[in-house]
Amino acid sequence: QLVESGGGLVQPGGSLKLACVASGFTLEYYSIAWFRQAPGKE
């Protein structure tokens, strides 16, 4: 299981830090990727 957090509303030039917490497995043995999907896009 993976659970993301940290999203929100930010102004241009601003910063956010997302977190992805893993459970049920030891994350260090896996490759982890971040993907994103905007409306109407792949």
ModelCIF file with pLDDT and N, C-alpha, C, O atoms, coordinates in Angstrom:
data_MODEL
#
_entry.id   MODEL 
#
_entity.id                         1 
_entity.type                       polymer 
_entity.pdbx_number_of_molecules   1 
#
_entity_poly.entity_id                      1 
_entity_poly.type                           'polypeptide(L)' 
_entity_poly.nstd_linkage                   no 
_entity_poly.nstd_monomer                   no 
_entity_poly.pdbx_seq_one_letter_code       QLVESGGGLVQPGGSLKLACVASGFTLEYYSIAWFRQAPGKE 
_entity_poly.pdbx_seq_one_letter_code_can   QLVESGGGLVQPGGSLKLACVASGFTLEYYSIAWFRQAPGKE 
_entity_poly.pdbx_strand_id                 A 
#
loop_
_entity_poly_seq.entity_id 
_entity_poly_seq.num 
_entity_poly_seq.mon_id 
_entity_poly_seq.hetero 
1 1  GLN n 
1 2  LEU n 
1 3  VAL n 
1 4  GLU n 
1 5  SER n 
1 6  GLY n 
1 7  GLY n 
1 8  GLY n 
1 9  LEU n 
1 10 VAL n 
1 11 GLN n 
1 12 PRO n 
1 13 GLY n 
1 14 GLY n 
1 15 SER n 
1 16 LEU n 
1 17 LYS n 
1 18 LEU n 
1 19 ALA n 
1 20 CYS n 
1 21 VAL n 
1 22 ALA n 
1 23 SER n 
1 24 GLY n 
1 25 PHE n 
1 26 THR n 
1 27 LEU n 
1 28 GLU n 
1 29 TYR n 
1 30 TYR n 
1 31 SER n 
1 32 ILE n 
1 33 ALA n 
1 34 TRP n 
1 35 PHE n 
1 36 ARG n 
1 37 GLN n 
1 38 ALA n 
1 39 PRO n 
1 40 GLY n 
1 41 LYS n 
1 42 GLU n 
#
_struct_asym.id          A 
_struct_asym.entity_id   1 
#
loop_
_ma_qa_metric.id 
_ma_qa_metric.mode 
_ma_qa_metric.name 
_ma_qa_metric.software_group_id 
_ma_qa_metric.type 
1 global pLDDT . pLDDT 
2 local  pLDDT . pLDDT 
#
_ma_qa_metric_global.metric_id      1 
_ma_qa_metric_global.metric_value   95.86 
_ma_qa_metric_global.model_id       1 
_ma_qa_metric_global.ordinal_id     1 
#
loop_
_ma_qa_metric_local.label_asym_id 
_ma_qa_metric_local.label_comp_id 
_ma_qa_metric_local.label_seq_id 
_ma_qa_metric_local.metric_id 
_ma_qa_metric_local.metric_value 
_ma_qa_metric_local.model_id 
_ma_qa_metric_local.ordinal_id 
A GLN 1  2 94.00 1 1  
A LEU 2  2 97.00 1 2  
A VAL 3  2 97.00 1 3  
A GLU 4  2 98.00 1 4  
A SER 5  2 98.00 1 5  
A GLY 6  2 98.00 1 6  
A GLY 7  2 98.00 1 7  
A GLY 8  2 98.00 1 8  
A LEU 9  2 98.00 1 9  
A VAL 10 2 98.00 1 10 
A GLN 11 2 98.00 1 11 
A PRO 12 2 98.00 1 12 
A GLY 13 2 98.00 1 13 
A GLY 14 2 98.00 1 14 
A SER 15 2 98.00 1 15 
A LEU 16 2 98.00 1 16 
A LYS 17 2 98.00 1 17 
A LEU 18 2 98.00 1 18 
A ALA 19 2 98.00 1 19 
A CYS 20 2 97.00 1 20 
A VAL 21 2 97.00 1 21 
A ALA 22 2 95.00 1 22 
A SER 23 2 93.00 1 23 
A GLY 24 2 91.00 1 24 
A PHE 25 2 89.00 1 25 
A THR 26 2 90.00 1 26 
A LEU 27 2 88.00 1 27 
A GLU 28 2 88.00 1 28 
A TYR 29 2 92.00 1 29 
A TYR 30 2 94.00 1 30 
A SER 31 2 95.00 1 31 
A ILE 32 2 96.00 1 32 
A ALA 33 2 97.00 1 33 
A TRP 34 2 98.00 1 34 
A PHE 35 2 98.00 1 35 
A ARG 36 2 98.00 1 36 
A GLN 37 2 98.00 1 37 
A ALA 38 2 97.00 1 38 
A PRO 39 2 93.00 1 39 
A GLY 40 2 95.00 1 40 
A LYS 41 2 96.00 1 41 
A GLU 42 2 95.00 1 42 
#
loop_
_atom_site.group_PDB 
_atom_site.id 
_atom_site.type_symbol 
_atom_site.label_atom_id 
_atom_site.label_alt_id 
_atom_site.label_comp_id 
_atom_site.label_asym_id 
_atom_site.label_entity_id 
_atom_site.label_seq_id 
_atom_site.pdbx_PDB_ins_code 
_atom_site.Cartn_x 
_atom_site.Cartn_y 
_atom_site.Cartn_z 
_atom_site.occupancy 
_atom_site.B_iso_or_equiv 
_atom_site.pdbx_formal_charge 
_atom_site.auth_seq_id 
_atom_site.auth_comp_id 
_atom_site.auth_asym_id 
_atom_site.auth_atom_id 
_atom_site.pdbx_PDB_model_num 
ATOM 1   N N  . GLN A 1 1  ? 0.841  -1.188 0.000   1.00 94.00 ? 1  GLN A N  1 
ATOM 2   C CA . GLN A 1 1  ? 0.000  0.000  0.000   1.00 94.00 ? 1  GLN A CA 1 
ATOM 3   C C  . GLN A 1 1  ? 0.880  1.242  0.000   1.00 94.00 ? 1  GLN A C  1 
ATOM 4   O O  . GLN A 1 1  ? 1.901  1.304  0.685   1.00 94.00 ? 1  GLN A O  1 
ATOM 5   N N  . LEU A 1 2  ? 0.458  2.230  -0.786  1.00 97.00 ? 2  LEU A N  1 
ATOM 6   C CA . LEU A 1 2  ? 1.140  3.513  -0.861  1.00 97.00 ? 2  LEU A CA 1 
ATOM 7   C C  . LEU A 1 2  ? 0.131  4.616  -0.576  1.00 97.00 ? 2  LEU A C  1 
ATOM 8   O O  . LEU A 1 2  ? -0.996 4.576  -1.070  1.00 97.00 ? 2  LEU A O  1 
ATOM 9   N N  . VAL A 1 3  ? 0.534  5.591  0.214   1.00 97.00 ? 3  VAL A N  1 
ATOM 10  C CA . VAL A 1 3  ? -0.339 6.708  0.545   1.00 97.00 ? 3  VAL A CA 1 
ATOM 11  C C  . VAL A 1 3  ? 0.431  8.006  0.339   1.00 97.00 ? 3  VAL A C  1 
ATOM 12  O O  . VAL A 1 3  ? 1.467  8.238  0.963   1.00 97.00 ? 3  VAL A O  1 
ATOM 13  N N  . GLU A 1 4  ? -0.100 8.853  -0.558  1.00 98.00 ? 4  GLU A N  1 
ATOM 14  C CA . GLU A 1 4  ? 0.521  10.144 -0.814  1.00 98.00 ? 4  GLU A CA 1 
ATOM 15  C C  . GLU A 1 4  ? -0.102 11.219 0.076   1.00 98.00 ? 4  GLU A C  1 
ATOM 16  O O  . GLU A 1 4  ? -1.251 11.111 0.503   1.00 98.00 ? 4  GLU A O  1 
ATOM 17  N N  . SER A 1 5  ? 0.680  12.245 0.337   1.00 98.00 ? 5  SER A N  1 
ATOM 18  C CA . SER A 1 5  ? 0.196  13.414 1.071   1.00 98.00 ? 5  SER A CA 1 
ATOM 19  C C  . SER A 1 5  ? 1.056  14.608 0.693   1.00 98.00 ? 5  SER A C  1 
ATOM 20  O O  . SER A 1 5  ? 2.108  14.465 0.070   1.00 98.00 ? 5  SER A O  1 
ATOM 21  N N  . GLY A 1 6  ? 0.591  15.789 1.082   1.00 98.00 ? 6  GLY A N  1 
ATOM 22  C CA . GLY A 1 6  ? 1.372  16.994 0.865   1.00 98.00 ? 6  GLY A CA 1 
ATOM 23  C C  . GLY A 1 6  ? 0.895  17.886 -0.263  1.00 98.00 ? 6  GLY A C  1 
ATOM 24  O O  . GLY A 1 6  ? 1.431  18.976 -0.462  1.00 98.00 ? 6  GLY A O  1 
ATOM 25  N N  . GLY A 1 7  ? -0.098 17.439 -0.999  1.00 98.00 ? 7  GLY A N  1 
ATOM 26  C CA . GLY A 1 7  ? -0.606 18.268 -2.070  1.00 98.00 ? 7  GLY A CA 1 
ATOM 27  C C  . GLY A 1 7  ? -1.341 19.487 -1.536  1.00 98.00 ? 7  GLY A C  1 
ATOM 28  O O  . GLY A 1 7  ? -1.613 19.589 -0.340  1.00 98.00 ? 7  GLY A O  1 
ATOM 29  N N  . GLY A 1 8  ? -1.660 20.410 -2.439  1.00 98.00 ? 8  GLY A N  1 
ATOM 30  C CA . GLY A 1 8  ? -2.387 21.600 -2.032  1.00 98.00 ? 8  GLY A CA 1 
ATOM 31  C C  . GLY A 1 8  ? -2.341 22.663 -3.093  1.00 98.00 ? 8  GLY A C  1 
ATOM 32  O O  . GLY A 1 8  ? -2.029 22.408 -4.256  1.00 98.00 ? 8  GLY A O  1 
ATOM 33  N N  . LEU A 1 9  ? -2.661 23.865 -2.663  1.00 98.00 ? 9  LEU A N  1 
ATOM 34  C CA . LEU A 1 9  ? -2.720 25.024 -3.538  1.00 98.00 ? 9  LEU A CA 1 
ATOM 35  C C  . LEU A 1 9  ? -1.480 25.881 -3.278  1.00 98.00 ? 9  LEU A C  1 
ATOM 36  O O  . LEU A 1 9  ? -1.141 26.170 -2.131  1.00 98.00 ? 9  LEU A O  1 
ATOM 37  N N  . VAL A 1 10 ? -0.811 26.282 -4.363  1.00 98.00 ? 10 VAL A N  1 
ATOM 38  C CA . VAL A 1 10 ? 0.402  27.085 -4.232  1.00 98.00 ? 10 VAL A CA 1 
ATOM 39  C C  . VAL A 1 10 ? 0.461  28.088 -5.373  1.00 98.00 ? 10 VAL A C  1 
ATOM 40  O O  . VAL A 1 10 ? -0.064 27.839 -6.458  1.00 98.00 ? 10 VAL A O  1 
ATOM 41  N N  . GLN A 1 11 ? 1.095  29.207 -5.125  1.00 98.00 ? 11 GLN A N  1 
ATOM 42  C CA . GLN A 1 11 ? 1.257  30.216 -6.164  1.00 98.00 ? 11 GLN A CA 1 
ATOM 43  C C  . GLN A 1 11 ? 2.470  29.886 -7.036  1.00 98.00 ? 11 GLN A C  1 
ATOM 44  O O  . GLN A 1 11 ? 3.376  29.184 -6.588  1.00 98.00 ? 11 GLN A O  1 
ATOM 45  N N  . PRO A 1 12 ? 2.498  30.377 -8.256  1.00 98.00 ? 12 PRO A N  1 
ATOM 46  C CA . PRO A 1 12 ? 3.683  30.192 -9.103  1.00 98.00 ? 12 PRO A CA 1 
ATOM 47  C C  . PRO A 1 12 ? 4.944  30.674 -8.395  1.00 98.00 ? 12 PRO A C  1 
ATOM 48  O O  . PRO A 1 12 ? 4.957  31.728 -7.760  1.00 98.00 ? 12 PRO A O  1 
ATOM 49  N N  . GLY A 1 13 ? 5.990  29.886 -8.519  1.00 98.00 ? 13 GLY A N  1 
ATOM 50  C CA . GLY A 1 13 ? 7.232  30.181 -7.814  1.00 98.00 ? 13 GLY A CA 1 
ATOM 51  C C  . GLY A 1 13 ? 7.317  29.571 -6.437  1.00 98.00 ? 13 GLY A C  1 
ATOM 52  O O  . GLY A 1 13 ? 8.380  29.576 -5.817  1.00 98.00 ? 13 GLY A O  1 
ATOM 53  N N  . GLY A 1 14 ? 6.203  29.042 -5.949  1.00 98.00 ? 14 GLY A N  1 
ATOM 54  C CA . GLY A 1 14 ? 6.169  28.454 -4.616  1.00 98.00 ? 14 GLY A CA 1 
ATOM 55  C C  . GLY A 1 14 ? 6.669  27.026 -4.591  1.00 98.00 ? 14 GLY A C  1 
ATOM 56  O O  . GLY A 1 14 ? 7.119  26.486 -5.601  1.00 98.00 ? 14 GLY A O  1 
ATOM 57  N N  . SER A 1 15 ? 6.579  26.415 -3.397  1.00 98.00 ? 15 SER A N  1 
ATOM 58  C CA . SER A 1 15 ? 7.097  25.068 -3.183  1.00 98.00 ? 15 SER A CA 1 
ATOM 59  C C  . SER A 1 15 ? 6.086  24.201 -2.453  1.00 98.00 ? 15 SER A C  1 
ATOM 60  O O  . SER A 1 15 ? 5.268  24.686 -1.671  1.00 98.00 ? 15 SER A O  1 
ATOM 61  N N  . LEU A 1 16 ? 6.164  22.910 -2.728  1.00 98.00 ? 16 LEU A N  1 
ATOM 62  C CA . LEU A 1 16 ? 5.432  21.891 -1.993  1.00 98.00 ? 16 LEU A CA 1 
ATOM 63  C C  . LEU A 1 16 ? 6.333  20.677 -1.847  1.00 98.00 ? 16 LEU A C  1 
ATOM 64  O O  . LEU A 1 16 ? 7.225  20.450 -2.664  1.00 98.00 ? 16 LEU A O  1 
ATOM 65  N N  . LYS A 1 17 ? 6.091  19.900 -0.800  1.00 98.00 ? 17 LYS A N  1 
ATOM 66  C CA . LYS A 1 17 ? 6.817  18.656 -0.623  1.00 98.00 ? 17 LYS A CA 1 
ATOM 67  C C  . LYS A 1 17 ? 5.819  17.525 -0.455  1.00 98.00 ? 17 LYS A C  1 
ATOM 68  O O  . LYS A 1 17 ? 5.068  17.483 0.520   1.00 98.00 ? 17 LYS A O  1 
ATOM 69  N N  . LEU A 1 18 ? 5.816  16.620 -1.400  1.00 98.00 ? 18 LEU A N  1 
ATOM 70  C CA . LEU A 1 18 ? 4.934  15.464 -1.349  1.00 98.00 ? 18 LEU A CA 1 
ATOM 71  C C  . LEU A 1 18 ? 5.631  14.309 -0.631  1.00 98.00 ? 18 LEU A C  1 
ATOM 72  O O  . LEU A 1 18 ? 6.853  14.173 -0.682  1.00 98.00 ? 18 LEU A O  1 
ATOM 73  N N  . ALA A 1 19 ? 4.837  13.492 0.031   1.00 98.00 ? 19 ALA A N  1 
ATOM 74  C CA . ALA A 1 19 ? 5.355  12.299 0.693   1.00 98.00 ? 19 ALA A CA 1 
ATOM 75  C C  . ALA A 1 19 ? 4.580  11.075 0.223   1.00 98.00 ? 19 ALA A C  1 
ATOM 76  O O  . ALA A 1 19 ? 3.376  11.143 -0.022  1.00 98.00 ? 19 ALA A O  1 
ATOM 77  N N  . CYS A 1 20 ? 5.268  9.990  0.105   1.00 97.00 ? 20 CYS A N  1 
ATOM 78  C CA . CYS A 1 20 ? 4.672  8.705  -0.280  1.00 97.00 ? 20 CYS A CA 1 
ATOM 79  C C  . CYS A 1 20 ? 5.105  7.690  0.769   1.00 97.00 ? 20 CYS A C  1 
ATOM 80  O O  . CYS A 1 20 ? 6.266  7.282  0.819   1.00 97.00 ? 20 CYS A O  1 
ATOM 81  N N  . VAL A 1 21 ? 4.149  7.290  1.608   1.00 97.00 ? 21 VAL A N  1 
ATOM 82  C CA . VAL A 1 21 ? 4.451  6.354  2.686   1.00 97.00 ? 21 VAL A CA 1 
ATOM 83  C C  . VAL A 1 21 ? 4.016  4.953  2.278   1.00 97.00 ? 21 VAL A C  1 
ATOM 84  O O  . VAL A 1 21 ? 2.885  4.740  1.839   1.00 97.00 ? 21 VAL A O  1 
ATOM 85  N N  . ALA A 1 22 ? 4.928  4.010  2.428   1.00 95.00 ? 22 ALA A N  1 
ATOM 86  C CA . ALA A 1 22 ? 4.655  2.628  2.049   1.00 95.00 ? 22 ALA A CA 1 
ATOM 87  C C  . ALA A 1 22 ? 4.333  1.784  3.281   1.00 95.00 ? 22 ALA A C  1 
ATOM 88  O O  . ALA A 1 22 ? 4.880  1.995  4.364   1.00 95.00 ? 22 ALA A O  1 
ATOM 89  N N  . SER A 1 23 ? 3.447  0.841  3.089   1.00 93.00 ? 23 SER A N  1 
ATOM 90  C CA . SER A 1 23 ? 3.145  -0.127 4.136   1.00 93.00 ? 23 SER A CA 1 
ATOM 91  C C  . SER A 1 23 ? 2.952  -1.490 3.504   1.00 93.00 ? 23 SER A C  1 
ATOM 92  O O  . SER A 1 23 ? 2.539  -1.599 2.349   1.00 93.00 ? 23 SER A O  1 
ATOM 93  N N  . GLY A 1 24 ? 3.250  -2.524 4.263   1.00 91.00 ? 24 GLY A N  1 
ATOM 94  C CA . GLY A 1 24 ? 3.116  -3.876 3.749   1.00 91.00 ? 24 GLY A CA 1 
ATOM 95  C C  . GLY A 1 24 ? 4.339  -4.375 3.010   1.00 91.00 ? 24 GLY A C  1 
ATOM 96  O O  . GLY A 1 24 ? 4.386  -5.535 2.603   1.00 91.00 ? 24 GLY A O  1 
ATOM 97  N N  . PHE A 1 25 ? 5.331  -3.516 2.830   1.00 89.00 ? 25 PHE A N  1 
ATOM 98  C CA . PHE A 1 25 ? 6.569  -3.930 2.190   1.00 89.00 ? 25 PHE A CA 1 
ATOM 99  C C  . PHE A 1 25 ? 7.683  -2.973 2.586   1.00 89.00 ? 25 PHE A C  1 
ATOM 100 O O  . PHE A 1 25 ? 7.433  -1.869 3.068   1.00 89.00 ? 25 PHE A O  1 
ATOM 101 N N  . THR A 1 26 ? 8.910  -3.415 2.374   1.00 90.00 ? 26 THR A N  1 
ATOM 102 C CA . THR A 1 26 ? 10.079 -2.598 2.704   1.00 90.00 ? 26 THR A CA 1 
ATOM 103 C C  . THR A 1 26 ? 10.470 -1.792 1.484   1.00 90.00 ? 26 THR A C  1 
ATOM 104 O O  . THR A 1 26 ? 10.968 -2.329 0.494   1.00 90.00 ? 26 THR A O  1 
ATOM 105 N N  . LEU A 1 27 ? 10.237 -0.503 1.572   1.00 88.00 ? 27 LEU A N  1 
ATOM 106 C CA . LEU A 1 27 ? 10.359 0.382  0.422   1.00 88.00 ? 27 LEU A CA 1 
ATOM 107 C C  . LEU A 1 27 ? 11.757 0.391  -0.184  1.00 88.00 ? 27 LEU A C  1 
ATOM 108 O O  . LEU A 1 27 ? 11.900 0.587  -1.391  1.00 88.00 ? 27 LEU A O  1 
ATOM 109 N N  . GLU A 1 28 ? 12.788 0.182  0.630   1.00 88.00 ? 28 GLU A N  1 
ATOM 110 C CA . GLU A 1 28 ? 14.155 0.331  0.116   1.00 88.00 ? 28 GLU A CA 1 
ATOM 111 C C  . GLU A 1 28 ? 14.482 -0.716 -0.935  1.00 88.00 ? 28 GLU A C  1 
ATOM 112 O O  . GLU A 1 28 ? 15.452 -0.546 -1.674  1.00 88.00 ? 28 GLU A O  1 
ATOM 113 N N  . TYR A 1 29 ? 13.714 -1.786 -1.032  1.00 92.00 ? 29 TYR A N  1 
ATOM 114 C CA . TYR A 1 29 ? 13.965 -2.820 -2.021  1.00 92.00 ? 29 TYR A CA 1 
ATOM 115 C C  . TYR A 1 29 ? 13.192 -2.596 -3.318  1.00 92.00 ? 29 TYR A C  1 
ATOM 116 O O  . TYR A 1 29 ? 13.226 -3.429 -4.224  1.00 92.00 ? 29 TYR A O  1 
ATOM 117 N N  . TYR A 1 30 ? 12.500 -1.471 -3.397  1.00 94.00 ? 30 TYR A N  1 
ATOM 118 C CA . TYR A 1 30 ? 11.681 -1.175 -4.563  1.00 94.00 ? 30 TYR A CA 1 
ATOM 119 C C  . TYR A 1 30 ? 12.103 0.152  -5.193  1.00 94.00 ? 30 TYR A C  1 
ATOM 120 O O  . TYR A 1 30 ? 12.612 1.051  -4.524  1.00 94.00 ? 30 TYR A O  1 
ATOM 121 N N  . SER A 1 31 ? 11.875 0.239  -6.484  1.00 95.00 ? 31 SER A N  1 
ATOM 122 C CA . SER A 1 31 ? 11.990 1.522  -7.149  1.00 95.00 ? 31 SER A CA 1 
ATOM 123 C C  . SER A 1 31 ? 10.664 2.254  -6.992  1.00 95.00 ? 31 SER A C  1 
ATOM 124 O O  . SER A 1 31 ? 9.589  1.661  -7.091  1.00 95.00 ? 31 SER A O  1 
ATOM 125 N N  . ILE A 1 32 ? 10.765 3.537  -6.749  1.00 96.00 ? 32 ILE A N  1 
ATOM 126 C CA . ILE A 1 32 ? 9.582  4.370  -6.547  1.00 96.00 ? 32 ILE A CA 1 
ATOM 127 C C  . ILE A 1 32 ? 9.585  5.502  -7.560  1.00 96.00 ? 32 ILE A C  1 
ATOM 128 O O  . ILE A 1 32 ? 10.596 6.175  -7.762  1.00 96.00 ? 32 ILE A O  1 
ATOM 129 N N  . ALA A 1 33 ? 8.459  5.692  -8.179  1.00 97.00 ? 33 ALA A N  1 
ATOM 130 C CA . ALA A 1 33 ? 8.316  6.775  -9.155  1.00 97.00 ? 33 ALA A CA 1 
ATOM 131 C C  . ALA A 1 33 ? 7.164  7.685  -8.765  1.00 97.00 ? 33 ALA A C  1 
ATOM 132 O O  . ALA A 1 33 ? 6.201  7.271  -8.121  1.00 97.00 ? 33 ALA A O  1 
ATOM 133 N N  . TRP A 1 34 ? 7.296  8.929  -9.175  1.00 98.00 ? 34 TRP A N  1 
ATOM 134 C CA . TRP A 1 34 ? 6.181  9.877  -9.096  1.00 98.00 ? 34 TRP A CA 1 
ATOM 135 C C  . TRP A 1 34 ? 5.677  10.093 -10.525 1.00 98.00 ? 34 TRP A C  1 
ATOM 136 O O  . TRP A 1 34 ? 6.446  10.357 -11.450 1.00 98.00 ? 34 TRP A O  1 
ATOM 137 N N  . PHE A 1 35 ? 4.376  9.971  -10.666 1.00 98.00 ? 35 PHE A N  1 
ATOM 138 C CA . PHE A 1 35 ? 3.685  10.284 -11.909 1.00 98.00 ? 35 PHE A CA 1 
ATOM 139 C C  . PHE A 1 35 ? 2.717  11.432 -11.628 1.00 98.00 ? 35 PHE A C  1 
ATOM 140 O O  . PHE A 1 35 ? 2.401  11.732 -10.477 1.00 98.00 ? 35 PHE A O  1 
ATOM 141 N N  . ARG A 1 36 ? 2.264  12.056 -12.688 1.00 98.00 ? 36 ARG A N  1 
ATOM 142 C CA . ARG A 1 36 ? 1.215  13.066 -12.534 1.00 98.00 ? 36 ARG A CA 1 
ATOM 143 C C  . ARG A 1 36 ? 0.264  12.989 -13.711 1.00 98.00 ? 36 ARG A C  1 
ATOM 144 O O  . ARG A 1 36 ? 0.630  12.565 -14.808 1.00 98.00 ? 36 ARG A O  1 
ATOM 145 N N  . GLN A 1 37 ? -0.963 13.407 -13.458 1.00 98.00 ? 37 GLN A N  1 
ATOM 146 C CA . GLN A 1 37 ? -1.974 13.404 -14.503 1.00 98.00 ? 37 GLN A CA 1 
ATOM 147 C C  . GLN A 1 37 ? -2.803 14.666 -14.405 1.00 98.00 ? 37 GLN A C  1 
ATOM 148 O O  . GLN A 1 37 ? -3.494 14.902 -13.414 1.00 98.00 ? 37 GLN A O  1 
ATOM 149 N N  . ALA A 1 38 ? -2.723 15.471 -15.448 1.00 97.00 ? 38 ALA A N  1 
ATOM 150 C CA . ALA A 1 38 ? -3.511 16.693 -15.528 1.00 97.00 ? 38 ALA A CA 1 
ATOM 151 C C  . ALA A 1 38 ? -4.835 16.369 -16.231 1.00 97.00 ? 38 ALA A C  1 
ATOM 152 O O  . ALA A 1 38 ? -4.919 15.378 -16.956 1.00 97.00 ? 38 ALA A O  1 
ATOM 153 N N  . PRO A 1 39 ? -5.860 17.186 -16.026 1.00 93.00 ? 39 PRO A N  1 
ATOM 154 C CA . PRO A 1 39 ? -7.150 16.924 -16.663 1.00 93.00 ? 39 PRO A CA 1 
ATOM 155 C C  . PRO A 1 39 ? -7.013 16.819 -18.175 1.00 93.00 ? 39 PRO A C  1 
ATOM 156 O O  . PRO A 1 39 ? -6.410 17.681 -18.813 1.00 93.00 ? 39 PRO A O  1 
ATOM 157 N N  . GLY A 1 40 ? -7.573 15.764 -18.741 1.00 95.00 ? 40 GLY A N  1 
ATOM 158 C CA . GLY A 1 40 ? -7.551 15.588 -20.183 1.00 95.00 ? 40 GLY A CA 1 
ATOM 159 C C  . GLY A 1 40 ? -6.238 15.102 -20.755 1.00 95.00 ? 40 GLY A C  1 
ATOM 160 O O  . GLY A 1 40 ? -6.097 14.985 -21.972 1.00 95.00 ? 40 GLY A O  1 
ATOM 161 N N  . LYS A 1 41 ? -5.275 14.817 -19.895 1.00 96.00 ? 41 LYS A N  1 
ATOM 162 C CA . LYS A 1 41 ? -3.968 14.368 -20.363 1.00 96.00 ? 41 LYS A CA 1 
ATOM 163 C C  . LYS A 1 41 ? -3.650 12.980 -19.822 1.00 96.00 ? 41 LYS A C  1 
ATOM 164 O O  . LYS A 1 41 ? -4.255 12.521 -18.853 1.00 96.00 ? 41 LYS A O  1 
ATOM 165 N N  . GLU A 1 42 ? -2.697 12.327 -20.461 1.00 95.00 ? 42 GLU A N  1 
ATOM 166 C CA . GLU A 1 42 ? -2.252 11.023 -20.007 1.00 95.00 ? 42 GLU A CA 1 
ATOM 167 C C  . GLU A 1 42 ? -1.355 11.161 -18.784 1.00 95.00 ? 42 GLU A C  1 
ATOM 168 O O  . GLU A 1 42 ? -0.877 10.158 -18.253 1.00 95.00 ? 42 GLU A O  1 
#
